[in-house]
Amino acid sequence: MDHVEFTVTNVFDISGRGVVMVAGRLSAGVIEAGDVLYDSVTGTRVTVAGLEFHGGRELDQHVLVIPASEVDRVRIGQHLTSERPDDGLIRTPRLLRILDDAPDLAKAQGHDYVGVEHLMLAILADPDAVPTQHLRKLGLDPDNIAQTLKDAIAGTEPPSSAG
């Protein structure tokens, strides 16, 4: 299989057919029935059961057919690729939730970028996260730390391209 880059734009669950239609933009490669794609962040595997190439008016718009059993593996905005991330890291549900929450926290701060400060806020918002638990053991209040961090980054400019 060629190197594939596919971004999900819509997910349609077709009742009774046992499949889900996944619309998106194919920016690189060729996808065929039987191919396996991977979430570029989590490494989650998605099986391509079939293809529908009449998903849109533009040539790069395609519709993939995936088994209904894999519907929880796809979401709008997801980037699928033919190469599985193989960095040796296990992506836990907590990590994935923090990575999902950080952009929302950045937007709430009025930022159009995600920085470590937003990741820290996402961690502090999780009472069961190990860093949050350790802060409590040290007698510190994670909510106060989060508020102090929000106050410190309020009105900050996005990082420059050089930094």
Protein backbone atom coordinates (compact mmCIF):
# COMPACT_ATOMS: atom_id res chain seq x y z
CA MET A 1 0.00 0.00 0.00
CA ASP A 2 1.18 3.52 -0.82
CA HIS A 3 1.59 6.04 1.97
CA VAL A 4 -1.97 7.22 2.70
CA GLU A 5 -3.17 10.45 4.32
CA PHE A 6 -6.94 10.65 4.91
CA THR A 7 -8.85 13.20 7.02
CA VAL A 8 -12.35 12.28 8.22
CA THR A 9 -14.99 14.93 7.47
CA ASN A 10 -18.18 12.97 8.21
CA VAL A 11 -19.32 9.65 9.68
CA PHE A 12 -22.62 8.08 8.61
CA ASP A 13 -23.97 5.08 10.51
CA ILE A 14 -26.25 3.22 8.10
CA SER A 15 -28.73 1.28 10.23
CA GLY A 16 -29.14 -2.37 9.39
CA ARG A 17 -26.25 -2.56 6.91
CA GLY A 18 -23.56 -3.51 9.40
CA VAL A 19 -21.23 -0.85 8.03
CA VAL A 20 -20.40 2.78 8.61
CA MET A 21 -19.68 5.24 5.81
CA VAL A 22 -16.69 7.52 6.54
CA ALA A 23 -16.38 10.55 4.27
CA GLY A 24 -13.15 12.47 4.00
CA ARG A 25 -10.34 13.97 2.01
CA LEU A 26 -7.58 11.80 0.62
CA SER A 27 -4.48 13.98 0.38
CA ALA A 28 -1.96 11.22 -0.40
CA GLY A 29 -1.92 7.65 -1.61
CA VAL A 30 -4.53 5.18 -2.80
CA ILE A 31 -6.93 3.27 -0.56
CA GLU A 32 -8.30 -0.15 -1.47
CA ALA A 33 -10.77 -2.53 0.16
CA GLY A 34 -8.96 -4.59 2.78
CA ASP A 35 -6.45 -1.87 3.66
CA VAL A 36 -5.81 -1.01 7.28
CA LEU A 37 -5.43 2.62 8.34
CA TYR A 38 -4.25 3.99 11.67
CA ASP A 39 -5.20 7.03 13.73
CA SER A 40 -2.13 9.26 13.48
CA VAL A 41 -2.27 10.09 17.21
CA THR A 42 -3.52 6.97 18.96
CA GLY A 43 -2.46 4.28 16.50
CA THR A 44 -6.00 2.85 16.62
CA ARG A 45 -6.57 0.46 13.72
CA VAL A 46 -9.40 1.06 11.22
CA THR A 47 -10.25 -1.59 8.60
CA VAL A 48 -11.40 -0.49 5.16
CA ALA A 49 -14.13 -2.95 4.13
CA GLY A 50 -14.92 -1.13 0.89
CA LEU A 51 -14.88 2.17 -0.98
CA GLU A 52 -17.39 4.59 -2.41
CA PHE A 53 -15.68 7.16 -4.61
CA HIS A 54 -18.72 9.34 -5.24
CA GLY A 55 -18.50 11.08 -1.88
CA GLY A 56 -18.17 14.56 -3.26
CA ARG A 57 -17.69 16.75 -6.28
CA GLU A 58 -13.94 17.12 -5.80
CA LEU A 59 -11.48 14.41 -6.75
CA ASP A 60 -9.93 14.16 -3.28
CA GLN A 61 -13.26 13.46 -1.55
CA HIS A 62 -13.87 9.77 -0.87
CA VAL A 63 -16.13 7.62 1.24
CA LEU A 64 -14.70 4.61 3.04
CA VAL A 65 -16.86 1.72 4.19
CA ILE A 66 -15.83 0.32 7.57
CA PRO A 67 -17.39 -2.41 9.70
CA ALA A 68 -20.04 -1.10 12.14
CA SER A 69 -18.08 -2.75 14.94
CA GLU A 70 -15.36 -0.12 14.39
CA VAL A 71 -17.63 2.96 14.52
CA ASP A 72 -16.11 4.00 17.86
CA ARG A 73 -12.68 4.13 16.19
CA VAL A 74 -13.50 7.02 13.82
CA ARG A 75 -14.42 10.65 14.45
CA ILE A 76 -14.74 13.86 12.49
CA GLY A 77 -11.41 15.64 12.15
CA GLN A 78 -9.43 12.45 12.65
CA HIS A 79 -6.31 11.96 10.56
CA LEU A 80 -5.85 8.41 9.29
CA THR A 81 -2.62 7.18 7.76
CA SER A 82 -1.22 3.94 6.40
CA GLU A 83 1.66 4.05 8.87
CA ARG A 84 1.05 3.01 12.43
CA PRO A 85 2.76 5.25 14.99
CA ASP A 86 5.47 3.04 16.45
CA ASP A 87 7.14 5.08 19.14
CA GLY A 88 6.78 2.40 21.82
CA LEU A 89 4.37 4.49 23.88
CA ILE A 90 1.06 3.21 25.13
CA ARG A 91 -1.65 5.82 24.73
CA THR A 92 -3.98 5.42 27.69
CA PRO A 93 -7.59 6.60 27.72
CA ARG A 94 -6.59 9.29 30.25
CA LEU A 95 -3.84 10.62 27.95
CA LEU A 96 -6.19 10.68 24.98
CA ARG A 97 -8.82 12.55 27.03
CA ILE A 98 -6.22 15.13 28.13
CA LEU A 99 -5.07 15.57 24.52
CA ASP A 100 -8.71 16.02 23.48
CA ASP A 101 -9.45 18.52 26.27
CA ALA A 102 -6.38 20.74 25.83
CA PRO A 103 -7.58 22.43 22.59
CA ASP A 104 -10.93 23.27 24.24
CA LEU A 105 -9.11 24.79 27.20
CA ALA A 106 -6.90 26.80 24.82
CA LYS A 107 -9.97 28.18 23.05
CA ALA A 108 -11.56 29.02 26.41
CA GLN A 109 -8.46 31.11 27.14
CA GLY A 110 -8.86 32.85 23.77
CA HIS A 111 -5.82 31.15 22.24
CA ASP A 112 -5.61 29.71 18.74
CA TYR A 113 -2.74 27.39 19.66
CA VAL A 114 -2.23 24.59 22.19
CA GLY A 115 0.76 24.88 24.48
CA VAL A 116 2.07 23.02 27.51
CA GLU A 117 0.05 25.40 29.69
CA HIS A 118 -3.16 24.04 28.16
CA LEU A 119 -1.99 20.47 28.63
CA MET A 120 -1.24 21.28 32.28
CA LEU A 121 -4.73 22.72 32.72
CA ALA A 122 -6.20 19.53 31.24
CA ILE A 123 -4.13 17.44 33.65
CA LEU A 124 -5.15 19.58 36.64
CA ALA A 125 -8.81 19.18 35.63
CA ASP A 126 -8.50 15.40 36.05
CA PRO A 127 -8.73 14.61 39.78
CA ASP A 128 -7.42 11.08 39.18
CA ALA A 129 -4.34 12.09 37.17
CA VAL A 130 -1.10 11.14 38.91
CA PRO A 131 0.28 14.73 38.98
CA THR A 132 -2.98 16.01 40.47
CA GLN A 133 -2.93 13.31 43.14
CA HIS A 134 0.68 14.14 44.05
CA LEU A 135 -0.09 17.84 44.34
CA ARG A 136 -2.87 16.99 46.80
CA LYS A 137 -0.49 14.73 48.79
CA LEU A 138 1.86 17.71 49.05
CA GLY A 139 -0.98 19.75 50.55
CA LEU A 140 -1.52 21.83 47.43
CA ASP A 141 -4.89 22.55 45.82
CA PRO A 142 -4.93 21.65 42.09
CA ASP A 143 -7.89 23.99 41.52
CA ASN A 144 -5.93 26.94 42.94
CA ILE A 145 -2.92 26.02 40.81
CA ALA A 146 -5.12 25.83 37.71
CA GLN A 147 -6.62 29.24 38.46
CA THR A 148 -3.16 30.73 39.02
CA LEU A 149 -2.03 29.26 35.71
CA LYS A 150 -5.11 30.65 33.92
CA ASP A 151 -4.44 34.07 35.42
CA ALA A 152 -0.77 33.90 34.37
CA ILE A 153 -1.53 33.04 30.74
CA ALA A 154 -4.49 35.40 30.33
CA GLY A 155 -3.69 37.80 27.53
CA THR A 156 -0.49 36.09 26.44
CA GLU A 157 0.41 36.13 22.79
CA PRO A 158 0.79 32.94 20.71
CA PRO A 159 4.36 31.66 20.51
CA SER A 160 6.40 33.13 17.68
CA SER A 161 7.43 30.88 14.82
CA ALA A 162 11.02 31.24 15.98
CA GLY A 163 10.21 30.07 19.53
